[in-house]
C-alpha cells in the first residue's frame, strides 16, 4: 500500500470514530503524556491544535498555558511551518482549515508533540503529506512525542529519505519508544 492509500484508509477510520470515543481515548493518551519526564521537564512545548477526531489537544494546550508552560503552536508562514508562541487559547484563529496563532512570535521548543495519520512500532510516522513536521524535526533536532490511537499503528509505512521518525508514540494502550 502506498502513502496516499494508507492516508485515505486511516483518515477514514479516524472519521468513523464517535466524538465520545475520540475524547475518551484522547484523555487516556494525554494522561500518559503528562507523566512522561520529557513533558514534565519541558518548559517550552510545541503542540498541534487538533482538528476533527485527531487525538484531542485543546484541553492539553489550555492546561499547559494555565501551568505557565510556554506553548508553541504550528503556523504556516511563507510555505514553512514555524513554532509560534501562544499566549491564550483565544489567540488561535482558523486559517486554511487549521487552528493557528493569529500572530507570529517564533520560538524554539524543547519538546514537539506531533500529530500523524499512521505510525509503526519502529517509530515511523505518516503525516498529512505536506512534509512540514519532517522538515521541522530535521532542522531543529528536538525531542518528539507522537499522540495516536492504537488503530493508527500499522506494520509498515513506505518511507522516503526525508521522513523523520519520532522518539516516542503514546496510544491509549501503550507507549512505544
N, C-alpha and C. Protein backbone atom coordinates (compact mmCIF):
# COMPACT_ATOMS: atom_id res chain seq x y z
N UNK A 1 0.84 -1.18 0.00
CA UNK A 1 0.00 0.00 0.00
C UNK A 1 0.89 1.24 0.00
N UNK A 2 0.57 2.20 -0.86
CA UNK A 2 1.39 3.41 -0.90
C UNK A 2 0.90 4.42 0.14
N UNK A 3 1.65 5.52 0.29
CA UNK A 3 1.33 6.52 1.32
C UNK A 3 -0.07 7.10 1.13
N UNK A 4 -0.43 7.40 -0.09
CA UNK A 4 -1.73 8.02 -0.36
C UNK A 4 -2.86 7.08 0.07
N UNK A 5 -2.77 5.82 -0.30
CA UNK A 5 -3.81 4.85 0.07
C UNK A 5 -3.89 4.68 1.58
N UNK A 6 -2.73 4.63 2.24
CA UNK A 6 -2.70 4.47 3.69
C UNK A 6 -3.31 5.69 4.38
N UNK A 7 -3.00 6.89 3.87
CA UNK A 7 -3.59 8.11 4.42
C UNK A 7 -5.11 8.07 4.33
N UNK A 8 -5.62 7.69 3.18
CA UNK A 8 -7.07 7.64 2.97
C UNK A 8 -7.70 6.62 3.93
N UNK A 9 -7.11 5.44 4.01
CA UNK A 9 -7.66 4.38 4.86
C UNK A 9 -7.70 4.80 6.33
N UNK A 10 -6.57 5.30 6.84
CA UNK A 10 -6.50 5.67 8.25
C UNK A 10 -7.31 6.92 8.57
N UNK A 11 -7.39 7.85 7.64
CA UNK A 11 -8.22 9.04 7.85
C UNK A 11 -9.70 8.64 7.92
N UNK A 12 -10.11 7.72 7.08
CA UNK A 12 -11.50 7.23 7.11
C UNK A 12 -11.79 6.50 8.41
N UNK A 13 -10.84 5.70 8.90
CA UNK A 13 -11.03 5.00 10.18
C UNK A 13 -11.18 6.01 11.31
N UNK A 14 -10.37 7.04 11.29
CA UNK A 14 -10.43 8.05 12.35
C UNK A 14 -11.76 8.81 12.29
N UNK A 15 -12.22 9.13 11.09
CA UNK A 15 -13.50 9.83 10.94
C UNK A 15 -14.67 8.97 11.43
N UNK A 16 -14.53 7.66 11.37
CA UNK A 16 -15.60 6.75 11.79
C UNK A 16 -15.75 6.68 13.31
N UNK A 17 -14.74 7.15 14.03
CA UNK A 17 -14.80 7.21 15.50
C UNK A 17 -15.92 8.13 15.92
N UNK A 18 -16.62 7.78 16.98
CA UNK A 18 -17.59 8.72 17.54
C UNK A 18 -16.81 9.79 18.31
N UNK A 19 -17.40 10.96 18.45
CA UNK A 19 -16.74 12.03 19.19
C UNK A 19 -16.51 11.61 20.64
N UNK A 20 -17.48 10.92 21.21
CA UNK A 20 -17.36 10.45 22.60
C UNK A 20 -16.16 9.50 22.74
N UNK A 21 -16.03 8.56 21.82
CA UNK A 21 -14.92 7.61 21.86
C UNK A 21 -13.58 8.33 21.67
N UNK A 22 -13.53 9.26 20.74
CA UNK A 22 -12.30 10.01 20.48
C UNK A 22 -11.87 10.80 21.72
N UNK A 23 -12.83 11.45 22.38
CA UNK A 23 -12.50 12.24 23.57
C UNK A 23 -12.03 11.34 24.71
N UNK A 24 -12.69 10.20 24.91
CA UNK A 24 -12.30 9.28 25.97
C UNK A 24 -10.88 8.75 25.75
N UNK A 25 -10.60 8.28 24.54
CA UNK A 25 -9.26 7.74 24.25
C UNK A 25 -8.21 8.85 24.32
N UNK A 26 -8.58 10.04 23.88
CA UNK A 26 -7.65 11.18 23.95
C UNK A 26 -7.28 11.48 25.40
N UNK A 27 -8.25 11.43 26.30
CA UNK A 27 -7.96 11.68 27.72
C UNK A 27 -6.97 10.67 28.26
N UNK A 28 -7.11 9.40 27.87
CA UNK A 28 -6.17 8.36 28.31
C UNK A 28 -4.76 8.64 27.77
N UNK A 29 -4.68 9.04 26.51
CA UNK A 29 -3.39 9.33 25.87
C UNK A 29 -2.73 10.54 26.53
N UNK A 30 -3.51 11.60 26.74
CA UNK A 30 -2.97 12.83 27.34
C UNK A 30 -2.52 12.57 28.77
N UNK A 31 -3.25 11.75 29.50
CA UNK A 31 -2.84 11.40 30.86
C UNK A 31 -1.47 10.72 30.86
N UNK A 32 -1.25 9.82 29.93
CA UNK A 32 0.07 9.16 29.82
C UNK A 32 1.15 10.17 29.45
N UNK A 33 0.83 11.07 28.52
CA UNK A 33 1.79 12.10 28.12
C UNK A 33 2.23 12.93 29.31
N UNK A 34 1.28 13.34 30.14
CA UNK A 34 1.57 14.22 31.27
C UNK A 34 2.47 13.57 32.32
N UNK A 35 2.63 12.25 32.27
CA UNK A 35 3.51 11.54 33.19
C UNK A 35 4.89 11.25 32.61
N UNK A 36 5.12 11.69 31.38
CA UNK A 36 6.42 11.47 30.72
C UNK A 36 7.44 12.50 31.19
N UNK A 37 8.65 12.06 31.58
CA UNK A 37 9.67 13.02 32.03
C UNK A 37 9.95 14.13 31.00
N UNK A 38 9.96 13.79 29.72
CA UNK A 38 10.20 14.81 28.69
C UNK A 38 9.14 15.91 28.76
N UNK A 39 7.91 15.53 29.00
CA UNK A 39 6.83 16.51 29.10
C UNK A 39 6.95 17.31 30.39
N UNK A 40 7.13 16.61 31.49
CA UNK A 40 7.21 17.27 32.80
C UNK A 40 8.35 18.28 32.84
N UNK A 41 9.49 17.91 32.28
CA UNK A 41 10.69 18.75 32.37
C UNK A 41 10.80 19.83 31.30
N UNK A 42 9.93 19.80 30.31
CA UNK A 42 9.99 20.81 29.24
C UNK A 42 9.20 22.05 29.62
N UNK A 43 9.83 23.19 29.45
CA UNK A 43 9.17 24.47 29.73
C UNK A 43 8.53 25.05 28.47
N UNK A 44 9.10 24.71 27.29
CA UNK A 44 8.58 25.19 26.00
C UNK A 44 8.14 23.98 25.19
N UNK A 45 6.85 23.90 24.91
CA UNK A 45 6.30 22.73 24.21
C UNK A 45 5.56 23.18 22.96
N UNK A 46 5.92 22.56 21.85
CA UNK A 46 5.31 22.79 20.55
C UNK A 46 4.22 21.73 20.38
N UNK A 47 2.97 22.15 20.27
CA UNK A 47 1.85 21.21 20.22
C UNK A 47 0.86 21.61 19.14
N UNK A 48 0.43 20.63 18.35
CA UNK A 48 -0.59 20.89 17.34
C UNK A 48 -1.94 21.14 18.00
N UNK A 49 -2.75 21.97 17.38
CA UNK A 49 -4.13 22.19 17.82
C UNK A 49 -4.99 21.22 17.01
N UNK A 50 -5.50 20.20 17.69
CA UNK A 50 -6.19 19.11 17.00
C UNK A 50 -7.40 19.58 16.22
N UNK A 51 -7.73 18.80 15.20
CA UNK A 51 -8.92 19.06 14.41
C UNK A 51 -9.63 17.73 14.16
N UNK A 52 -10.94 17.79 14.00
CA UNK A 52 -11.70 16.57 13.76
C UNK A 52 -11.46 15.57 14.88
N UNK A 53 -11.23 14.34 14.51
CA UNK A 53 -11.01 13.28 15.50
C UNK A 53 -9.54 12.95 15.72
N UNK A 54 -8.64 13.91 15.46
CA UNK A 54 -7.25 13.70 15.87
C UNK A 54 -7.24 13.57 17.39
N UNK A 55 -6.15 13.01 17.93
CA UNK A 55 -6.04 12.99 19.39
C UNK A 55 -6.22 14.43 19.85
N UNK A 56 -7.22 14.62 20.70
CA UNK A 56 -7.71 15.93 21.10
C UNK A 56 -6.70 16.64 22.01
N UNK A 57 -6.22 17.81 21.57
CA UNK A 57 -5.20 18.54 22.33
C UNK A 57 -5.67 19.88 22.88
N UNK A 58 -6.90 20.25 22.65
CA UNK A 58 -7.36 21.58 23.09
C UNK A 58 -7.24 21.75 24.60
N UNK A 59 -7.70 20.78 25.37
CA UNK A 59 -7.60 20.88 26.84
C UNK A 59 -6.15 20.81 27.29
N UNK A 60 -5.34 20.01 26.60
CA UNK A 60 -3.91 19.93 26.91
C UNK A 60 -3.27 21.32 26.76
N UNK A 61 -3.54 21.98 25.66
CA UNK A 61 -2.97 23.31 25.42
C UNK A 61 -3.42 24.29 26.50
N UNK A 62 -4.71 24.27 26.82
CA UNK A 62 -5.23 25.16 27.86
C UNK A 62 -4.57 24.87 29.21
N UNK A 63 -4.38 23.60 29.53
CA UNK A 63 -3.76 23.26 30.83
C UNK A 63 -2.28 23.66 30.86
N UNK A 64 -1.58 23.52 29.74
CA UNK A 64 -0.18 23.94 29.71
C UNK A 64 -0.07 25.44 29.90
N UNK A 65 -0.96 26.19 29.26
CA UNK A 65 -0.97 27.65 29.43
C UNK A 65 -1.23 28.00 30.90
N UNK A 66 -2.20 27.32 31.52
CA UNK A 66 -2.54 27.58 32.93
C UNK A 66 -1.38 27.24 33.87
N UNK A 67 -0.58 26.22 33.49
CA UNK A 67 0.57 25.81 34.31
C UNK A 67 1.78 26.70 34.11
N UNK A 68 1.71 27.64 33.18
CA UNK A 68 2.82 28.56 32.94
C UNK A 68 3.86 28.05 31.96
N UNK A 69 3.56 26.95 31.26
CA UNK A 69 4.49 26.49 30.23
C UNK A 69 4.37 27.42 29.02
N UNK A 70 5.45 27.56 28.27
CA UNK A 70 5.39 28.30 27.02
C UNK A 70 4.85 27.33 25.98
N UNK A 71 3.71 27.68 25.40
CA UNK A 71 3.06 26.83 24.40
C UNK A 71 3.30 27.43 23.03
N UNK A 72 3.80 26.60 22.15
CA UNK A 72 4.04 26.99 20.76
C UNK A 72 3.12 26.14 19.89
N UNK A 73 2.52 26.77 18.89
CA UNK A 73 1.57 26.10 18.03
C UNK A 73 2.01 26.31 16.58
N UNK A 74 1.80 25.30 15.72
CA UNK A 74 2.23 25.45 14.33
C UNK A 74 1.54 26.60 13.61
N UNK A 75 2.33 27.31 12.85
CA UNK A 75 1.82 28.35 11.96
C UNK A 75 2.56 28.22 10.64
N UNK A 76 1.84 28.26 9.55
CA UNK A 76 2.47 28.20 8.24
C UNK A 76 2.71 29.64 7.78
N UNK A 77 3.97 29.95 7.56
CA UNK A 77 4.37 31.28 7.09
C UNK A 77 5.28 31.10 5.89
N UNK A 78 4.88 31.65 4.78
CA UNK A 78 5.65 31.53 3.53
C UNK A 78 5.92 30.07 3.18
N UNK A 79 4.91 29.22 3.37
CA UNK A 79 5.02 27.82 2.99
C UNK A 79 5.81 26.94 3.95
N UNK A 80 6.25 27.52 5.06
CA UNK A 80 7.07 26.78 6.01
C UNK A 80 6.40 26.80 7.38
N UNK A 81 6.48 25.68 8.10
CA UNK A 81 5.90 25.63 9.43
C UNK A 81 6.88 26.20 10.45
N UNK A 82 6.35 27.07 11.30
CA UNK A 82 7.15 27.60 12.40
C UNK A 82 6.40 27.32 13.70
N UNK A 83 7.12 27.37 14.81
CA UNK A 83 6.53 27.23 16.13
C UNK A 83 6.31 28.63 16.67
N UNK A 84 5.04 29.01 16.75
CA UNK A 84 4.71 30.37 17.16
C UNK A 84 4.07 30.36 18.55
N UNK A 85 4.55 31.26 19.40
CA UNK A 85 4.09 31.34 20.79
C UNK A 85 2.60 31.68 20.86
N UNK A 86 1.93 30.99 21.77
CA UNK A 86 0.52 31.23 22.02
C UNK A 86 0.37 31.74 23.44
N UNK A 87 -0.20 32.91 23.60
CA UNK A 87 -0.36 33.49 24.93
C UNK A 87 -1.65 33.03 25.60
N UNK A 88 -2.73 32.94 24.82
CA UNK A 88 -4.02 32.49 25.35
C UNK A 88 -4.70 31.62 24.29
N UNK A 89 -5.64 30.78 24.73
CA UNK A 89 -6.37 29.93 23.79
C UNK A 89 -7.08 30.80 22.75
N UNK A 90 -7.56 31.96 23.14
CA UNK A 90 -8.26 32.85 22.22
C UNK A 90 -7.34 33.47 21.17
N UNK A 91 -6.03 33.22 21.28
CA UNK A 91 -5.07 33.72 20.30
C UNK A 91 -5.03 32.86 19.04
N UNK A 92 -5.84 31.80 18.99
CA UNK A 92 -5.89 30.93 17.81
C UNK A 92 -6.98 31.40 16.85
N UNK A 93 -6.68 31.33 15.56
CA UNK A 93 -7.66 31.66 14.52
C UNK A 93 -7.67 30.52 13.50
N UNK A 94 -8.76 30.39 12.79
CA UNK A 94 -8.89 29.36 11.77
C UNK A 94 -8.31 29.89 10.47
N UNK A 95 -7.24 29.26 10.01
CA UNK A 95 -6.57 29.64 8.76
C UNK A 95 -6.45 28.41 7.88
N UNK A 96 -7.04 28.45 6.69
CA UNK A 96 -6.95 27.34 5.73
C UNK A 96 -7.35 26.01 6.38
N UNK A 97 -8.34 26.05 7.24
CA UNK A 97 -8.85 24.82 7.85
C UNK A 97 -8.12 24.38 9.11
N UNK A 98 -7.12 25.13 9.55
CA UNK A 98 -6.34 24.76 10.73
C UNK A 98 -6.38 25.88 11.76
N UNK A 99 -6.39 25.49 13.04
CA UNK A 99 -6.23 26.49 14.10
C UNK A 99 -4.76 26.83 14.22
N UNK A 100 -4.44 28.10 14.13
CA UNK A 100 -3.06 28.54 14.29
C UNK A 100 -3.04 29.91 14.95
N UNK A 101 -1.89 30.29 15.52
CA UNK A 101 -1.81 31.61 16.18
C UNK A 101 -2.07 32.74 15.19
N UNK A 102 -2.79 33.76 15.65
CA UNK A 102 -3.06 34.92 14.80
C UNK A 102 -1.77 35.68 14.51
N UNK A 103 -0.87 35.73 15.50
CA UNK A 103 0.38 36.48 15.36
C UNK A 103 1.56 35.54 15.20
N UNK A 104 2.63 36.06 14.63
CA UNK A 104 3.88 35.30 14.52
C UNK A 104 4.81 35.74 15.64
N UNK A 105 5.14 34.81 16.51
CA UNK A 105 6.08 35.06 17.60
C UNK A 105 6.90 33.77 17.73
N UNK A 106 7.84 33.60 16.82
CA UNK A 106 8.57 32.33 16.69
C UNK A 106 9.51 32.09 17.86
N UNK A 107 9.59 30.82 18.27
CA UNK A 107 10.48 30.40 19.34
C UNK A 107 10.87 28.95 19.06
N UNK A 108 11.88 28.46 19.74
CA UNK A 108 12.33 27.08 19.57
C UNK A 108 11.93 26.28 20.82
N UNK A 109 11.15 25.21 20.64
CA UNK A 109 10.70 24.42 21.78
C UNK A 109 11.73 23.42 22.26
N UNK A 110 11.45 22.84 23.42
CA UNK A 110 12.26 21.73 23.94
C UNK A 110 11.65 20.39 23.55
N UNK A 111 10.35 20.39 23.31
CA UNK A 111 9.61 19.17 23.00
C UNK A 111 8.57 19.47 21.95
N UNK A 112 8.40 18.54 21.01
CA UNK A 112 7.40 18.68 19.96
C UNK A 112 6.37 17.55 20.10
N UNK A 113 5.10 17.91 20.26
CA UNK A 113 4.00 16.95 20.29
C UNK A 113 3.49 16.86 18.85
N UNK A 114 3.61 15.68 18.26
CA UNK A 114 3.44 15.50 16.82
C UNK A 114 2.14 14.75 16.49
N UNK A 115 1.37 15.26 15.53
CA UNK A 115 0.21 14.50 15.05
C UNK A 115 0.63 13.55 13.94
N UNK A 116 -0.29 12.75 13.48
CA UNK A 116 0.00 11.89 12.34
C UNK A 116 -1.22 11.10 11.95
N UNK A 117 -1.13 10.49 10.78
CA UNK A 117 -2.22 9.67 10.26
C UNK A 117 -1.98 8.20 10.60
N UNK A 118 -0.71 7.79 10.52
CA UNK A 118 -0.34 6.40 10.84
C UNK A 118 1.09 6.37 11.37
N UNK A 119 1.38 5.30 12.13
CA UNK A 119 2.70 5.13 12.75
C UNK A 119 3.05 3.65 12.76
N UNK A 120 4.35 3.35 12.94
CA UNK A 120 4.76 1.96 13.11
C UNK A 120 5.43 1.80 14.47
N UNK A 121 5.61 0.55 14.87
CA UNK A 121 6.32 0.27 16.13
C UNK A 121 7.78 0.68 16.03
N UNK A 122 8.28 0.92 14.80
CA UNK A 122 9.66 1.39 14.60
C UNK A 122 9.74 2.92 14.69
N UNK A 123 8.63 3.54 15.13
CA UNK A 123 8.53 4.99 15.35
C UNK A 123 8.50 5.81 14.06
N UNK A 124 8.14 5.14 12.97
CA UNK A 124 7.95 5.86 11.70
C UNK A 124 6.59 6.53 11.74
N UNK A 125 6.48 7.64 11.01
CA UNK A 125 5.27 8.45 11.03
C UNK A 125 4.83 8.80 9.62
N UNK A 126 3.54 8.74 9.41
CA UNK A 126 2.94 9.21 8.16
C UNK A 126 2.04 10.38 8.51
N UNK A 127 2.37 11.55 7.98
CA UNK A 127 1.58 12.74 8.24
C UNK A 127 0.55 12.96 7.15
N UNK A 128 0.09 14.19 7.04
CA UNK A 128 -0.93 14.52 6.04
C UNK A 128 -0.37 14.65 4.63
N UNK A 129 0.93 14.74 4.52
CA UNK A 129 1.53 14.81 3.19
C UNK A 129 2.22 16.10 2.85
N UNK A 130 2.17 17.08 3.74
CA UNK A 130 2.82 18.36 3.46
C UNK A 130 4.31 18.37 3.77
N UNK A 131 4.77 17.44 4.60
CA UNK A 131 6.19 17.38 4.95
C UNK A 131 6.62 18.40 5.99
N UNK A 132 5.68 19.15 6.57
CA UNK A 132 6.04 20.23 7.49
C UNK A 132 6.74 19.72 8.76
N UNK A 133 6.20 18.68 9.37
CA UNK A 133 6.82 18.17 10.60
C UNK A 133 8.15 17.48 10.29
N UNK A 134 8.24 16.78 9.16
CA UNK A 134 9.52 16.16 8.78
C UNK A 134 10.59 17.23 8.65
N UNK A 135 10.27 18.31 7.97
CA UNK A 135 11.22 19.40 7.78
C UNK A 135 11.58 20.04 9.12
N UNK A 136 10.58 20.28 9.96
CA UNK A 136 10.82 20.94 11.24
C UNK A 136 11.71 20.07 12.14
N UNK A 137 11.37 18.80 12.27
CA UNK A 137 12.15 17.91 13.13
C UNK A 137 13.57 17.72 12.60
N UNK A 138 13.72 17.71 11.30
CA UNK A 138 15.05 17.57 10.69
C UNK A 138 15.92 18.79 10.99
N UNK A 139 15.32 19.96 10.91
CA UNK A 139 16.07 21.20 11.13
C UNK A 139 16.38 21.48 12.59
N UNK A 140 15.47 21.12 13.49
CA UNK A 140 15.62 21.55 14.88
C UNK A 140 16.12 20.49 15.85
N UNK A 141 16.08 19.23 15.50
CA UNK A 141 16.65 18.16 16.35
C UNK A 141 16.18 18.28 17.80
N UNK A 142 14.88 18.32 17.99
CA UNK A 142 14.31 18.40 19.34
C UNK A 142 13.61 17.09 19.68
N UNK A 143 13.30 16.91 20.96
CA UNK A 143 12.57 15.73 21.42
C UNK A 143 11.20 15.71 20.74
N UNK A 144 10.69 14.51 20.45
CA UNK A 144 9.38 14.43 19.79
C UNK A 144 8.57 13.26 20.33
N UNK A 145 7.32 13.54 20.60
CA UNK A 145 6.38 12.52 21.05
C UNK A 145 5.14 12.63 20.17
N UNK A 146 4.74 11.51 19.58
CA UNK A 146 3.52 11.48 18.77
C UNK A 146 2.36 10.96 19.61
N UNK A 147 1.20 11.53 19.37
CA UNK A 147 -0.03 11.08 20.03
C UNK A 147 -0.87 10.37 18.97
N UNK A 148 -1.30 9.14 19.28
CA UNK A 148 -2.03 8.34 18.29
C UNK A 148 -3.02 7.40 18.97
N UNK A 149 -4.04 7.04 18.23
CA UNK A 149 -4.93 5.97 18.67
C UNK A 149 -4.27 4.65 18.29
N UNK A 150 -4.57 3.63 19.03
CA UNK A 150 -3.95 2.32 18.77
C UNK A 150 -4.19 1.86 17.33
N UNK A 151 -5.37 2.12 16.77
CA UNK A 151 -5.64 1.65 15.40
C UNK A 151 -4.76 2.34 14.36
N UNK A 152 -4.09 3.42 14.73
CA UNK A 152 -3.21 4.11 13.79
C UNK A 152 -1.84 3.42 13.68
N UNK A 153 -1.56 2.47 14.56
CA UNK A 153 -0.29 1.74 14.49
C UNK A 153 -0.42 0.66 13.42
N UNK A 154 0.45 0.71 12.43
CA UNK A 154 0.42 -0.25 11.32
C UNK A 154 1.76 -0.98 11.25
N UNK A 155 1.78 -2.04 10.49
CA UNK A 155 3.01 -2.84 10.39
C UNK A 155 4.08 -2.14 9.57
N UNK A 156 3.66 -1.44 8.52
CA UNK A 156 4.65 -0.85 7.61
C UNK A 156 4.13 0.46 7.02
N UNK A 157 5.03 1.41 6.88
CA UNK A 157 4.76 2.67 6.19
C UNK A 157 5.86 2.83 5.14
N UNK A 158 5.48 3.08 3.89
CA UNK A 158 6.52 3.36 2.89
C UNK A 158 7.24 4.66 3.28
N UNK A 159 8.54 4.59 3.47
CA UNK A 159 9.27 5.79 3.89
C UNK A 159 10.22 6.26 2.79
N UNK A 160 10.55 7.54 2.89
CA UNK A 160 11.50 8.16 1.98
C UNK A 160 12.60 8.78 2.81
N UNK A 161 13.66 9.19 2.17
CA UNK A 161 14.84 9.72 2.87
C UNK A 161 14.51 10.89 3.80
N UNK A 162 13.59 11.76 3.40
CA UNK A 162 13.27 12.96 4.19
C UNK A 162 12.35 12.67 5.38
N UNK A 163 11.73 11.50 5.43
CA UNK A 163 10.79 11.19 6.52
C UNK A 163 11.52 11.06 7.85
N UNK A 164 10.98 11.72 8.86
CA UNK A 164 11.59 11.73 10.19
C UNK A 164 10.80 10.83 11.14
N UNK A 165 11.53 10.04 11.91
CA UNK A 165 10.90 9.23 12.95
C UNK A 165 10.64 10.13 14.16
N UNK A 166 9.73 9.68 15.02
CA UNK A 166 9.52 10.34 16.30
C UNK A 166 10.26 9.52 17.36
N UNK A 167 10.48 10.08 18.52
CA UNK A 167 11.20 9.37 19.58
C UNK A 167 10.30 8.48 20.41
N UNK A 168 9.01 8.82 20.43
CA UNK A 168 8.07 8.08 21.26
C UNK A 168 6.68 8.23 20.66
N UNK A 169 5.85 7.18 20.80
CA UNK A 169 4.46 7.23 20.39
C UNK A 169 3.62 6.80 21.58
N UNK A 170 2.61 7.60 21.90
CA UNK A 170 1.73 7.27 23.01
C UNK A 170 0.33 6.99 22.46
N UNK A 171 -0.19 5.80 22.75
CA UNK A 171 -1.58 5.46 22.40
C UNK A 171 -2.34 5.22 23.70
N UNK A 172 -3.62 4.95 23.57
CA UNK A 172 -4.41 4.66 24.77
C UNK A 172 -4.01 3.34 25.41
N UNK A 173 -3.29 2.47 24.69
CA UNK A 173 -2.92 1.16 25.22
C UNK A 173 -1.45 1.04 25.63
N UNK A 174 -0.57 1.81 24.98
CA UNK A 174 0.86 1.60 25.22
C UNK A 174 1.68 2.82 24.83
N UNK A 175 2.97 2.72 25.23
CA UNK A 175 3.96 3.74 24.88
C UNK A 175 5.07 3.04 24.12
N UNK A 176 5.31 3.48 22.90
CA UNK A 176 6.38 2.90 22.08
C UNK A 176 7.58 3.86 22.09
N UNK A 177 8.75 3.29 22.29
CA UNK A 177 9.96 4.13 22.25
C UNK A 177 11.16 3.31 21.83
